[in-house]
C-alpha atoms as a PDB file:
ATOM      1  CA  UNK A   1     -25.345 -97.547 -67.173  1.00  0.00           C
ATOM      2  CA  UNK A   2     -25.845 -94.666 -64.725  1.00  0.00           C
ATOM      3  CA  UNK A   3     -23.299 -94.240 -61.912  1.00  0.00           C
ATOM      4  CA  UNK A   4     -24.511 -92.800 -58.617  1.00  0.00           C
ATOM      5  CA  UNK A   5     -21.925 -93.617 -55.917  1.00  0.00           C
ATOM      6  CA  UNK A   6     -24.099 -92.339 -53.080  1.00  0.00           C
ATOM      7  CA  UNK A   7     -25.930 -93.496 -49.981  1.00  0.00           C
ATOM      8  CA  UNK A   8     -29.507 -94.503 -50.776  1.00  0.00           C
ATOM      9  CA  UNK A   9     -32.541 -95.603 -48.816  1.00  0.00           C
ATOM     10  CA  UNK A  10     -32.753 -99.315 -48.012  1.00  0.00           C
ATOM     11  CA  UNK A  11     -35.507-100.153 -50.506  1.00  0.00           C
ATOM     12  CA  UNK A  12     -34.034 -98.313 -53.507  1.00  0.00           C
ATOM     13  CA  UNK A  13     -32.315-101.430 -54.953  1.00  0.00           C
ATOM     14  CA  UNK A  14     -35.616-103.323 -54.706  1.00  0.00           C
ATOM     15  CA  UNK A  15     -37.438-100.492 -56.501  1.00  0.00           C
ATOM     16  CA  UNK A  16     -34.774-100.386 -59.227  1.00  0.00           C
ATOM     17  CA  UNK A  17     -35.018-104.142 -59.780  1.00  0.00           C
ATOM     18  CA  UNK A  18     -38.811-103.961 -59.878  1.00  0.00           C
ATOM     19  CA  UNK A  19     -38.345-101.553 -62.793  1.00  0.00           C
ATOM     20  CA  UNK A  20     -36.400-104.267 -64.624  1.00  0.00           C
ATOM     21  CA  UNK A  21     -32.913-102.867 -63.967  1.00  0.00           C
ATOM     22  CA  UNK A  22     -30.006-104.205 -61.948  1.00  0.00           C
ATOM     23  CA  UNK A  23     -28.518-102.285 -59.027  1.00  0.00           C
ATOM     24  CA  UNK A  24     -24.959-102.866 -57.785  1.00  0.00           C
ATOM     25  CA  UNK A  25     -24.643-102.009 -54.093  1.00  0.00           C
ATOM     26  CA  UNK A  26     -22.269-102.604 -51.206  1.00  0.00           C
ATOM     27  CA  UNK A  27     -22.548-102.247 -47.456  1.00  0.00           C
ATOM     28  CA  UNK A  28     -20.450 -99.431 -46.024  1.00  0.00           C
ATOM     29  CA  UNK A  29     -18.217 -99.759 -42.991  1.00  0.00           C
ATOM     30  CA  UNK A  30     -18.963 -97.396 -40.098  1.00  0.00           C
ATOM     31  CA  UNK A  31     -16.412 -94.743 -41.091  1.00  0.00           C
ATOM     32  CA  UNK A  32     -17.584 -94.632 -44.720  1.00  0.00           C
ATOM     33  CA  UNK A  33     -21.204 -94.623 -43.529  1.00  0.00           C
ATOM     34  CA  UNK A  34     -20.535 -91.563 -41.360  1.00  0.00           C
ATOM     35  CA  UNK A  35     -18.974 -89.723 -44.283  1.00  0.00           C
ATOM     36  CA  UNK A  36     -21.767 -90.684 -46.668  1.00  0.00           C
ATOM     37  CA  UNK A  37     -24.443 -89.588 -44.183  1.00  0.00           C
ATOM     38  CA  UNK A  38     -22.773 -86.178 -44.018  1.00  0.00           C
ATOM     39  CA  UNK A  39     -22.666 -86.046 -47.829  1.00  0.00           C
ATOM     40  CA  UNK A  40     -26.321 -87.095 -47.978  1.00  0.00           C
ATOM     41  CA  UNK A  41     -27.218 -84.241 -45.636  1.00  0.00           C
ATOM     42  CA  UNK A  42     -25.560 -81.802 -48.032  1.00  0.00           C
ATOM     43  CA  UNK A  43     -27.294 -83.408 -51.032  1.00  0.00           C
ATOM     44  CA  UNK A  44     -30.699 -83.091 -49.392  1.00  0.00           C
ATOM     45  CA  UNK A  45     -29.988 -79.500 -48.332  1.00  0.00           C
ATOM     46  CA  UNK A  46     -29.170 -78.667 -51.957  1.00  0.00           C
ATOM     47  CA  UNK A  47     -32.424 -80.309 -53.046  1.00  0.00           C
ATOM     48  CA  UNK A  48     -34.376 -77.936 -50.790  1.00  0.00           C
ATOM     49  CA  UNK A  49     -33.165 -75.067 -52.986  1.00  0.00           C
ATOM     50  CA  UNK A  50     -34.520 -76.805 -56.066  1.00  0.00           C
ATOM     51  CA  UNK A  51     -38.042 -76.902 -54.610  1.00  0.00           C
ATOM     52  CA  UNK A  52     -38.345 -73.148 -55.267  1.00  0.00           C
ATOM     53  CA  UNK A  53     -40.682 -72.908 -52.286  1.00  0.00           C
ATOM     54  CA  UNK A  54     -43.125 -75.576 -53.497  1.00  0.00           C
ATOM     55  CA  UNK A  55     -44.626 -76.522 -50.133  1.00  0.00           C
ATOM     56  CA  UNK A  56     -45.164 -80.223 -50.923  1.00  0.00           C
ATOM     57  CA  UNK A  57     -41.647 -80.719 -52.280  1.00  0.00           C
ATOM     58  CA  UNK A  58     -40.075 -78.633 -49.520  1.00  0.00           C
ATOM     59  CA  UNK A  59     -41.926 -80.685 -46.905  1.00  0.00           C
ATOM     60  CA  UNK A  60     -40.563 -83.884 -48.471  1.00  0.00           C
ATOM     61  CA  UNK A  61     -36.986 -82.598 -48.539  1.00  0.00           C
ATOM     62  CA  UNK A  62     -37.113 -81.233 -44.983  1.00  0.00           C
ATOM     63  CA  UNK A  63     -38.455 -84.630 -43.884  1.00  0.00           C
ATOM     64  CA  UNK A  64     -35.468 -86.296 -45.552  1.00  0.00           C
ATOM     65  CA  UNK A  65     -33.099 -83.904 -43.757  1.00  0.00           C
ATOM     66  CA  UNK A  66     -34.723 -84.585 -40.394  1.00  0.00           C
ATOM     67  CA  UNK A  67     -34.414 -88.333 -40.987  1.00  0.00           C
ATOM     68  CA  UNK A  68     -30.736 -88.042 -41.923  1.00  0.00           C
ATOM     69  CA  UNK A  69     -30.080 -85.911 -38.841  1.00  0.00           C
ATOM     70  CA  UNK A  70     -31.616 -88.706 -36.754  1.00  0.00           C
ATOM     71  CA  UNK A  71     -29.173 -91.195 -38.284  1.00  0.00           C
ATOM     72  CA  UNK A  72     -26.269 -88.785 -37.702  1.00  0.00           C
ATOM     73  CA  UNK A  73     -27.234 -88.522 -34.036  1.00  0.00           C
ATOM     74  CA  UNK A  74     -27.319 -92.303 -33.819  1.00  0.00           C
ATOM     75  CA  UNK A  75     -24.118 -93.186 -35.711  1.00  0.00           C
ATOM     76  CA  UNK A  76     -22.022 -90.407 -34.137  1.00  0.00           C
ATOM     77  CA  UNK A  77     -23.540 -91.239 -30.725  1.00  0.00           C
ATOM     78  CA  UNK A  78     -24.589 -87.647 -30.123  1.00  0.00           C
ATOM     79  CA  UNK A  79     -26.713 -86.724 -27.119  1.00  0.00           C
ATOM     80  CA  UNK A  80     -30.027 -85.139 -28.216  1.00  0.00           C
ATOM     81  CA  UNK A  81     -30.295 -83.313 -24.885  1.00  0.00           C
ATOM     82  CA  UNK A  82     -26.806 -81.840 -25.365  1.00  0.00           C
ATOM     83  CA  UNK A  83     -27.717 -80.816 -28.921  1.00  0.00           C
ATOM     84  CA  UNK A  84     -30.815 -79.017 -27.644  1.00  0.00           C
ATOM     85  CA  UNK A  85     -28.826 -77.362 -24.833  1.00  0.00           C
ATOM     86  CA  UNK A  86     -26.186 -76.062 -27.266  1.00  0.00           C
ATOM     87  CA  UNK A  87     -28.854 -74.943 -29.729  1.00  0.00           C
ATOM     88  CA  UNK A  88     -30.526 -72.880 -27.004  1.00  0.00           C
ATOM     89  CA  UNK A  89     -27.189 -71.471 -25.794  1.00  0.00           C
ATOM     90  CA  UNK A  90     -26.325 -70.370 -29.352  1.00  0.00           C
ATOM     91  CA  UNK A  91     -29.734 -68.803 -29.792  1.00  0.00           C
ATOM     92  CA  UNK A  92     -29.258 -66.932 -26.513  1.00  0.00           C
ATOM     93  CA  UNK A  93     -25.720 -65.744 -27.293  1.00  0.00           C
ATOM     94  CA  UNK A  94     -25.981 -65.198 -31.062  1.00  0.00           C
ATOM     95  CA  UNK A  95     -29.708 -64.893 -31.633  1.00  0.00           C
ATOM     96  CA  UNK A  96     -32.088 -66.823 -33.830  1.00  0.00           C
ATOM     97  CA  UNK A  97     -33.229 -66.084 -37.365  1.00  0.00           C
ATOM     98  CA  UNK A  98     -36.463 -64.280 -36.539  1.00  0.00           C
ATOM     99  CA  UNK A  99     -35.299 -60.868 -37.755  1.00  0.00           C
ATOM    100  CA  UNK A 100     -34.513 -62.200 -41.262  1.00  0.00           C
ATOM    101  CA  UNK A 101     -31.128 -60.420 -41.238  1.00  0.00           C
ATOM    102  CA  UNK A 102     -28.906 -60.766 -44.323  1.00  0.00           C
ATOM    103  CA  UNK A 103     -25.283 -59.678 -43.775  1.00  0.00           C
ATOM    104  CA  UNK A 104     -24.014 -57.942 -46.896  1.00  0.00           C
ATOM    105  CA  UNK A 105     -20.546 -56.841 -45.792  1.00  0.00           C
ATOM    106  CA  UNK A 106     -18.381 -55.723 -42.902  1.00  0.00           C
ATOM    107  CA  UNK A 107     -15.890 -52.846 -43.138  1.00  0.00           C
END
């Protein structure tokens, strides 16, 4: 038996059962769902590191992150226009990432 204890895509139990195994699942309440979406975002972000720049794998993982962000916007009832506004304000006040700056230390 393998224990996962994580949010999975809706068809994963069906895929597991098609492979001749049994999947135990439960439906999360809204508060647990919010927390697990945030954890899933971190999991997917970590998986981007494992791609080691492989374009196909990186594309897949970034797609997963974008999808999770869409669910976060929905479940937390965030305003996409407000997100874009704040993103632009932060870019204006703090800059973007175009210069590829890596901060080593501050004295």
